């Protein structure tokens, strides 16, 4: 478990993330993290969930038109 310290940032509140946590998330200063609400609380991730949905839609499209893509690849 890692404790996060909350600090004032202007009129908002921010959390200080330790270097080890940033390294494991593979993010650095200036990157974006997404907070996704789950049943257990919030999940912090550097991956945009809307991109994941788009990738899944693309995979389904490619699966549906597999034969067409195979012919185009020749």
PDB file of N, CA and C in Angstrom:
ATOM      1  N   UNK A   1       0.849  -1.170   0.000  1.00  0.00           N
ATOM      2  CA  UNK A   1       0.000   0.000   0.000  1.00  0.00           C
ATOM      3  C   UNK A   1       0.896   1.234   0.000  1.00  0.00           C
ATOM      4  N   UNK A   2       0.488   2.236  -0.752  1.00  0.00           N
ATOM      5  CA  UNK A   2       1.221   3.494  -0.829  1.00  0.00           C
ATOM      6  C   UNK A   2       0.312   4.626  -0.374  1.00  0.00           C
ATOM      7  N   UNK A   3       0.811   5.437   0.543  1.00  0.00           N
ATOM      8  CA  UNK A   3       0.058   6.617   0.980  1.00  0.00           C
ATOM      9  C   UNK A   3       0.356   7.769   0.042  1.00  0.00           C
ATOM     10  N   UNK A   4      -0.670   8.521  -0.302  1.00  0.00           N
ATOM     11  CA  UNK A   4      -0.506   9.695  -1.143  1.00  0.00           C
ATOM     12  C   UNK A   4      -0.813  10.928  -0.313  1.00  0.00           C
ATOM     13  N   UNK A   5       0.060  11.920  -0.398  1.00  0.00           N
ATOM     14  CA  UNK A   5      -0.141  13.161   0.338  1.00  0.00           C
ATOM     15  C   UNK A   5      -0.911  14.134  -0.546  1.00  0.00           C
ATOM     16  N   UNK A   6      -1.963  14.718   0.006  1.00  0.00           N
ATOM     17  CA  UNK A   6      -2.747  15.719  -0.698  1.00  0.00           C
ATOM     18  C   UNK A   6      -2.185  17.096  -0.390  1.00  0.00           C
ATOM     19  N   UNK A   7      -2.112  17.934  -1.401  1.00  0.00           N
ATOM     20  CA  UNK A   7      -1.552  19.266  -1.245  1.00  0.00           C
ATOM     21  C   UNK A   7      -2.384  20.266  -2.029  1.00  0.00           C
ATOM     22  N   UNK A   8      -2.322  21.520  -1.635  1.00  0.00           N
ATOM     23  CA  UNK A   8      -3.073  22.568  -2.314  1.00  0.00           C
ATOM     24  C   UNK A   8      -2.356  22.948  -3.603  1.00  0.00           C
ATOM     25  N   UNK A   9      -3.135  23.020  -4.697  1.00  0.00           N
ATOM     26  CA  UNK A   9      -2.624  23.456  -5.995  1.00  0.00           C
ATOM     27  C   UNK A   9      -3.580  24.547  -6.464  1.00  0.00           C
ATOM     28  N   UNK A  10      -3.200  25.800  -6.226  1.00  0.00           N
ATOM     29  CA  UNK A  10      -4.112  26.909  -6.530  1.00  0.00           C
ATOM     30  C   UNK A  10      -5.351  26.804  -5.666  1.00  0.00           C
ATOM     31  N   UNK A  11      -6.517  26.735  -6.305  1.00  0.00           N
ATOM     32  CA  UNK A  11      -7.766  26.573  -5.552  1.00  0.00           C
ATOM     33  C   UNK A  11      -8.224  25.124  -5.535  1.00  0.00           C
ATOM     34  N   UNK A  12      -7.381  24.216  -6.068  1.00  0.00           N
ATOM     35  CA  UNK A  12      -7.717  22.791  -6.114  1.00  0.00           C
ATOM     36  C   UNK A  12      -6.834  22.025  -5.140  1.00  0.00           C
ATOM     37  N   UNK A  13      -7.010  20.719  -5.126  1.00  0.00           N
ATOM     38  CA  UNK A  13      -6.192  19.840  -4.307  1.00  0.00           C
ATOM     39  C   UNK A  13      -5.558  18.801  -5.212  1.00  0.00           C
ATOM     40  N   UNK A  14      -4.270  18.545  -5.033  1.00  0.00           N
ATOM     41  CA  UNK A  14      -3.550  17.565  -5.838  1.00  0.00           C
ATOM     42  C   UNK A  14      -2.928  16.505  -4.966  1.00  0.00           C
ATOM     43  N   UNK A  15      -2.557  15.392  -5.571  1.00  0.00           N
ATOM     44  CA  UNK A  15      -1.897  14.298  -4.856  1.00  0.00           C
ATOM     45  C   UNK A  15      -0.449  14.214  -5.321  1.00  0.00           C
ATOM     46  N   UNK A  16       0.456  13.967  -4.395  1.00  0.00           N
ATOM     47  CA  UNK A  16       1.875  13.799  -4.702  1.00  0.00           C
ATOM     48  C   UNK A  16       2.129  12.310  -4.892  1.00  0.00           C
ATOM     49  N   UNK A  17       2.591  11.935  -6.100  1.00  0.00           N
ATOM     50  CA  UNK A  17       2.874  10.534  -6.396  1.00  0.00           C
ATOM     51  C   UNK A  17       4.366  10.278  -6.258  1.00  0.00           C
ATOM     52  N   UNK A  18       4.747   9.229  -5.512  1.00  0.00           N
ATOM     53  CA  UNK A  18       6.175   8.914  -5.346  1.00  0.00           C
ATOM     54  C   UNK A  18       6.810   8.495  -6.673  1.00  0.00           C
ATOM     55  N   UNK A  19       8.128   8.685  -6.778  1.00  0.00           N
ATOM     56  CA  UNK A  19       8.863   8.337  -7.993  1.00  0.00           C
ATOM     57  C   UNK A  19       8.653   6.881  -8.383  1.00  0.00           C
ATOM     58  N   UNK A  20       8.634   5.994  -7.404  1.00  0.00           N
ATOM     59  CA  UNK A  20       8.470   4.567  -7.682  1.00  0.00           C
ATOM     60  C   UNK A  20       7.121   4.293  -8.347  1.00  0.00           C
ATOM     61  N   UNK A  21       6.080   4.977  -7.889  1.00  0.00           N
ATOM     62  CA  UNK A  21       4.751   4.784  -8.461  1.00  0.00           C
ATOM     63  C   UNK A  21       4.715   5.323  -9.891  1.00  0.00           C
ATOM     64  N   UNK A  22       5.327   6.479 -10.118  1.00  0.00           N
ATOM     65  CA  UNK A  22       5.388   7.048 -11.460  1.00  0.00           C
ATOM     66  C   UNK A  22       6.131   6.111 -12.411  1.00  0.00           C
ATOM     67  N   UNK A  23       7.214   5.519 -11.932  1.00  0.00           N
ATOM     68  CA  UNK A  23       7.990   4.597 -12.757  1.00  0.00           C
ATOM     69  C   UNK A  23       7.167   3.366 -13.124  1.00  0.00           C
ATOM     70  N   UNK A  24       6.412   2.821 -12.165  1.00  0.00           N
ATOM     71  CA  UNK A  24       5.602   1.634 -12.442  1.00  0.00           C
ATOM     72  C   UNK A  24       4.439   1.952 -13.369  1.00  0.00           C
ATOM     73  N   UNK A  25       3.913   3.176 -13.296  1.00  0.00           N
ATOM     74  CA  UNK A  25       2.851   3.600 -14.208  1.00  0.00           C
ATOM     75  C   UNK A  25       3.414   4.003 -15.574  1.00  0.00           C
ATOM     76  N   UNK A  26       4.754   4.145 -15.640  1.00  0.00           N
ATOM     77  CA  UNK A  26       5.451   4.585 -16.857  1.00  0.00           C
ATOM     78  C   UNK A  26       4.956   5.953 -17.306  1.00  0.00           C
ATOM     79  N   UNK A  27       4.866   6.872 -16.340  1.00  0.00           N
ATOM     80  CA  UNK A  27       4.477   8.250 -16.619  1.00  0.00           C
ATOM     81  C   UNK A  27       5.501   9.186 -15.990  1.00  0.00           C
ATOM     82  N   UNK A  28       5.466  10.420 -16.442  1.00  0.00           N
ATOM     83  CA  UNK A  28       6.341  11.440 -15.864  1.00  0.00           C
ATOM     84  C   UNK A  28       5.593  12.762 -15.838  1.00  0.00           C
ATOM     85  N   UNK A  29       6.236  13.768 -15.305  1.00  0.00           N
ATOM     86  CA  UNK A  29       5.628  15.086 -15.174  1.00  0.00           C
ATOM     87  C   UNK A  29       5.083  15.549 -16.526  1.00  0.00           C
ATOM     88  N   UNK A  30       3.833  16.007 -16.524  1.00  0.00           N
ATOM     89  CA  UNK A  30       3.190  16.486 -17.744  1.00  0.00           C
ATOM     90  C   UNK A  30       2.303  15.462 -18.429  1.00  0.00           C
ATOM     91  N   UNK A  31       2.450  14.166 -18.092  1.00  0.00           N
ATOM     92  CA  UNK A  31       1.591  13.135 -18.668  1.00  0.00           C
ATOM     93  C   UNK A  31       0.197  13.205 -18.046  1.00  0.00           C
ATOM     94  N   UNK A  32      -0.742  12.516 -18.670  1.00  0.00           N
ATOM     95  CA  UNK A  32      -2.123  12.498 -18.185  1.00  0.00           C
ATOM     96  C   UNK A  32      -2.438  11.141 -17.571  1.00  0.00           C
ATOM     97  N   UNK A  33      -3.087  11.156 -16.416  1.00  0.00           N
ATOM     98  CA  UNK A  33      -3.623   9.944 -15.798  1.00  0.00           C
ATOM     99  C   UNK A  33      -5.139  10.025 -15.852  1.00  0.00           C
ATOM    100  N   UNK A  34      -5.774   8.882 -16.027  1.00  0.00           N
ATOM    101  CA  UNK A  34      -7.229   8.806 -16.057  1.00  0.00           C
ATOM    102  C   UNK A  34      -7.699   8.104 -14.785  1.00  0.00           C
ATOM    103  N   UNK A  35      -8.689   8.685 -14.124  1.00  0.00           N
ATOM    104  CA  UNK A  35      -9.282   8.092 -12.927  1.00  0.00           C
ATOM    105  C   UNK A  35     -10.594   7.450 -13.345  1.00  0.00           C
ATOM    106  N   UNK A  36     -10.646   6.122 -13.271  1.00  0.00           N
ATOM    107  CA  UNK A  36     -11.819   5.376 -13.676  1.00  0.00           C
ATOM    108  C   UNK A  36     -12.505   4.851 -12.420  1.00  0.00           C
ATOM    109  N   UNK A  37     -13.777   5.186 -12.264  1.00  0.00           N
ATOM    110  CA  UNK A  37     -14.520   4.746 -11.080  1.00  0.00           C
ATOM    111  C   UNK A  37     -14.901   3.279 -11.235  1.00  0.00           C
ATOM    112  N   UNK A  38     -14.553   2.474 -10.223  1.00  0.00           N
ATOM    113  CA  UNK A  38     -14.895   1.056 -10.199  1.00  0.00           C
ATOM    114  C   UNK A  38     -15.700   0.772  -8.933  1.00  0.00           C
ATOM    115  N   UNK A  39     -16.148  -0.456  -8.775  1.00  0.00           N
ATOM    116  CA  UNK A  39     -16.896  -0.821  -7.569  1.00  0.00           C
ATOM    117  C   UNK A  39     -16.028  -0.726  -6.318  1.00  0.00           C
ATOM    118  N   UNK A  40     -14.716  -0.934  -6.476  1.00  0.00           N
ATOM    119  CA  UNK A  40     -13.795  -0.896  -5.335  1.00  0.00           C
ATOM    120  C   UNK A  40     -13.286   0.500  -5.021  1.00  0.00           C
ATOM    121  N   UNK A  41     -13.511   1.466  -5.903  1.00  0.00           N
ATOM    122  CA  UNK A  41     -13.004   2.820  -5.711  1.00  0.00           C
ATOM    123  C   UNK A  41     -12.597   3.397  -7.056  1.00  0.00           C
ATOM    124  N   UNK A  42     -11.427   4.007  -7.120  1.00  0.00           N
ATOM    125  CA  UNK A  42     -10.929   4.589  -8.362  1.00  0.00           C
ATOM    126  C   UNK A  42      -9.673   3.864  -8.817  1.00  0.00           C
ATOM    127  N   UNK A  43      -9.545   3.710 -10.132  1.00  0.00           N
ATOM    128  CA  UNK A  43      -8.373   3.123 -10.757  1.00  0.00           C
ATOM    129  C   UNK A  43      -7.646   4.232 -11.496  1.00  0.00           C
ATOM    130  N   UNK A  44      -6.366   4.443 -11.186  1.00  0.00           N
ATOM    131  CA  UNK A  44      -5.546   5.419 -11.909  1.00  0.00           C
ATOM    132  C   UNK A  44      -4.780   4.693 -13.001  1.00  0.00           C
ATOM    133  N   UNK A  45      -4.903   5.177 -14.221  1.00  0.00           N
ATOM    134  CA  UNK A  45      -4.236   4.542 -15.348  1.00  0.00           C
ATOM    135  C   UNK A  45      -3.788   5.590 -16.358  1.00  0.00           C
ATOM    136  N   UNK A  46      -2.666   5.352 -17.044  1.00  0.00           N
ATOM    137  CA  UNK A  46      -2.239   6.282 -18.087  1.00  0.00           C
ATOM    138  C   UNK A  46      -2.947   6.014 -19.413  1.00  0.00           C
ATOM    139  N   UNK A  47      -3.756   4.953 -19.474  1.00  0.00           N
ATOM    140  CA  UNK A  47      -4.399   4.560 -20.717  1.00  0.00           C
ATOM    141  C   UNK A  47      -5.805   5.140 -20.812  1.00  0.00           C
ATOM    142  N   UNK A  48      -6.077   5.818 -21.910  1.00  0.00           N
ATOM    143  CA  UNK A  48      -7.371   6.442 -22.150  1.00  0.00           C
ATOM    144  C   UNK A  48      -8.405   5.352 -22.436  1.00  0.00           C
ATOM    145  N   UNK A  49      -9.435   5.209 -21.596  1.00  0.00           N
ATOM    146  CA  UNK A  49     -10.420   4.146 -21.799  1.00  0.00           C
ATOM    147  C   UNK A  49     -11.180   4.286 -23.116  1.00  0.00           C
ATOM    148  N   UNK A  50     -11.360   5.499 -23.634  1.00  0.00           N
ATOM    149  CA  UNK A  50     -12.080   5.655 -24.894  1.00  0.00           C
ATOM    150  C   UNK A  50     -11.264   5.091 -26.058  1.00  0.00           C
ATOM    151  N   UNK A  51      -9.939   5.149 -25.968  1.00  0.00           N
ATOM    152  CA  UNK A  51      -9.084   4.555 -27.000  1.00  0.00           C
ATOM    153  C   UNK A  51      -9.231   3.034 -26.979  1.00  0.00           C
ATOM    154  N   UNK A  52      -9.308   2.454 -25.790  1.00  0.00           N
ATOM    155  CA  UNK A  52      -9.485   1.008 -25.672  1.00  0.00           C
ATOM    156  C   UNK A  52     -10.788   0.572 -26.333  1.00  0.00           C
ATOM    157  N   UNK A  53     -11.845   1.354 -26.154  1.00  0.00           N
ATOM    158  CA  UNK A  53     -13.127   1.042 -26.780  1.00  0.00           C
ATOM    159  C   UNK A  53     -13.012   1.119 -28.296  1.00  0.00           C
ATOM    160  N   UNK A  54     -12.299   2.114 -28.799  1.00  0.00           N
ATOM    161  CA  UNK A  54     -12.120   2.259 -30.242  1.00  0.00           C
ATOM    162  C   UNK A  54     -11.303   1.092 -30.815  1.00  0.00           C
ATOM    163  N   UNK A  55     -10.265   0.679 -30.091  1.00  0.00           N
ATOM    164  CA  UNK A  55      -9.459  -0.456 -30.542  1.00  0.00           C
ATOM    165  C   UNK A  55     -10.297  -1.724 -30.601  1.00  0.00           C
ATOM    166  N   UNK A  56     -11.127  -1.930 -29.607  1.00  0.00           N
ATOM    167  CA  UNK A  56     -11.985  -3.114 -29.583  1.00  0.00           C
ATOM    168  C   UNK A  56     -12.963  -3.088 -30.752  1.00  0.00           C
ATOM    169  N   UNK A  57     -13.536  -1.924 -31.050  1.00  0.00           N
ATOM    170  CA  UNK A  57     -14.445  -1.797 -32.192  1.00  0.00           C
ATOM    171  C   UNK A  57     -13.704  -2.102 -33.489  1.00  0.00           C
ATOM    172  N   UNK A  58     -12.459  -1.634 -33.618  1.00  0.00           N
ATOM    173  CA  UNK A  58     -11.654  -1.919 -34.793  1.00  0.00           C
ATOM    174  C   UNK A  58     -11.358  -3.399 -34.937  1.00  0.00           C
ATOM    175  N   UNK A  59     -11.061  -4.058 -33.817  1.00  0.00           N
ATOM    176  CA  UNK A  59     -10.793  -5.509 -33.854  1.00  0.00           C
ATOM    177  C   UNK A  59     -12.029  -6.273 -34.312  1.00  0.00           C
ATOM    178  N   UNK A  60     -13.194  -5.894 -33.804  1.00  0.00           N
ATOM    179  CA  UNK A  60     -14.436  -6.554 -34.208  1.00  0.00           C
ATOM    180  C   UNK A  60     -14.703  -6.336 -35.700  1.00  0.00           C
ATOM    181  N   UNK A  61     -14.450  -5.111 -36.191  1.00  0.00           N
ATOM    182  CA  UNK A  61     -14.634  -4.798 -37.605  1.00  0.00           C
ATOM    183  C   UNK A  61     -13.706  -5.649 -38.460  1.00  0.00           C
ATOM    184  N   UNK A  62     -12.444  -5.741 -38.049  1.00  0.00           N
ATOM    185  CA  UNK A  62     -11.469  -6.519 -38.806  1.00  0.00           C
ATOM    186  C   UNK A  62     -11.816  -8.007 -38.789  1.00  0.00           C
ATOM    187  N   UNK A  63     -12.343  -8.480 -37.672  1.00  0.00           N
ATOM    188  CA  UNK A  63     -12.744  -9.882 -37.575  1.00  0.00           C
ATOM    189  C   UNK A  63     -13.914 -10.159 -38.518  1.00  0.00           C
ATOM    190  N   UNK A  64     -14.859  -9.225 -38.577  1.00  0.00           N
ATOM    191  CA  UNK A  64     -16.037  -9.395 -39.422  1.00  0.00           C
ATOM    192  C   UNK A  64     -15.664  -9.412 -40.906  1.00  0.00           C
ATOM    193  N   UNK A  65     -14.686  -8.597 -41.286  1.00  0.00           N
ATOM    194  CA  UNK A  65     -14.275  -8.495 -42.691  1.00  0.00           C
ATOM    195  C   UNK A  65     -12.900  -9.116 -42.927  1.00  0.00           C
ATOM    196  N   UNK A  66     -12.633 -10.189 -42.220  1.00  0.00           N
ATOM    197  CA  UNK A  66     -11.345 -10.884 -42.298  1.00  0.00           C
ATOM    198  C   UNK A  66     -10.981 -11.265 -43.730  1.00  0.00           C
ATOM    199  N   UNK A  67     -11.922 -11.845 -44.453  1.00  0.00           N
ATOM    200  CA  UNK A  67     -11.647 -12.277 -45.821  1.00  0.00           C
ATOM    201  C   UNK A  67     -11.298 -11.108 -46.738  1.00  0.00           C
ATOM    202  N   UNK A  68     -11.999  -9.994 -46.554  1.00  0.00           N
ATOM    203  CA  UNK A  68     -11.717  -8.808 -47.355  1.00  0.00           C
ATOM    204  C   UNK A  68     -10.321  -8.289 -47.085  1.00  0.00           C
ATOM    205  N   UNK A  69      -9.922  -8.212 -45.822  1.00  0.00           N
ATOM    206  CA  UNK A  69      -8.585  -7.754 -45.476  1.00  0.00           C
ATOM    207  C   UNK A  69      -7.518  -8.700 -45.986  1.00  0.00           C
ATOM    208  N   UNK A  70      -7.810 -10.009 -45.955  1.00  0.00           N
ATOM    209  CA  UNK A  70      -6.852 -11.003 -46.462  1.00  0.00           C
ATOM    210  C   UNK A  70      -6.643 -10.804 -47.958  1.00  0.00           C
ATOM    211  N   UNK A  71      -7.728 -10.546 -48.694  1.00  0.00           N
ATOM    212  CA  UNK A  71      -7.623 -10.320 -50.140  1.00  0.00           C
ATOM    213  C   UNK A  71      -6.875  -9.022 -50.437  1.00  0.00           C
ATOM    214  N   UNK A  72      -7.111  -7.996 -49.638  1.00  0.00           N
ATOM    215  CA  UNK A  72      -6.424  -6.723 -49.832  1.00  0.00           C
ATOM    216  C   UNK A  72      -4.939  -6.813 -49.530  1.00  0.00           C
ATOM    217  N   UNK A  73      -4.554  -7.722 -48.659  1.00  0.00           N
ATOM    218  CA  UNK A  73      -3.155  -7.866 -48.271  1.00  0.00           C
ATOM    219  C   UNK A  73      -2.313  -8.516 -49.370  1.00  0.00           C
ATOM    220  N   UNK A  74      -2.979  -9.171 -50.343  1.00  0.00           N
ATOM    221  CA  UNK A  74      -2.232  -9.842 -51.415  1.00  0.00           C
ATOM    222  C   UNK A  74      -1.664  -8.878 -52.405  1.00  0.00           C
TER     223      UNK A  74
END
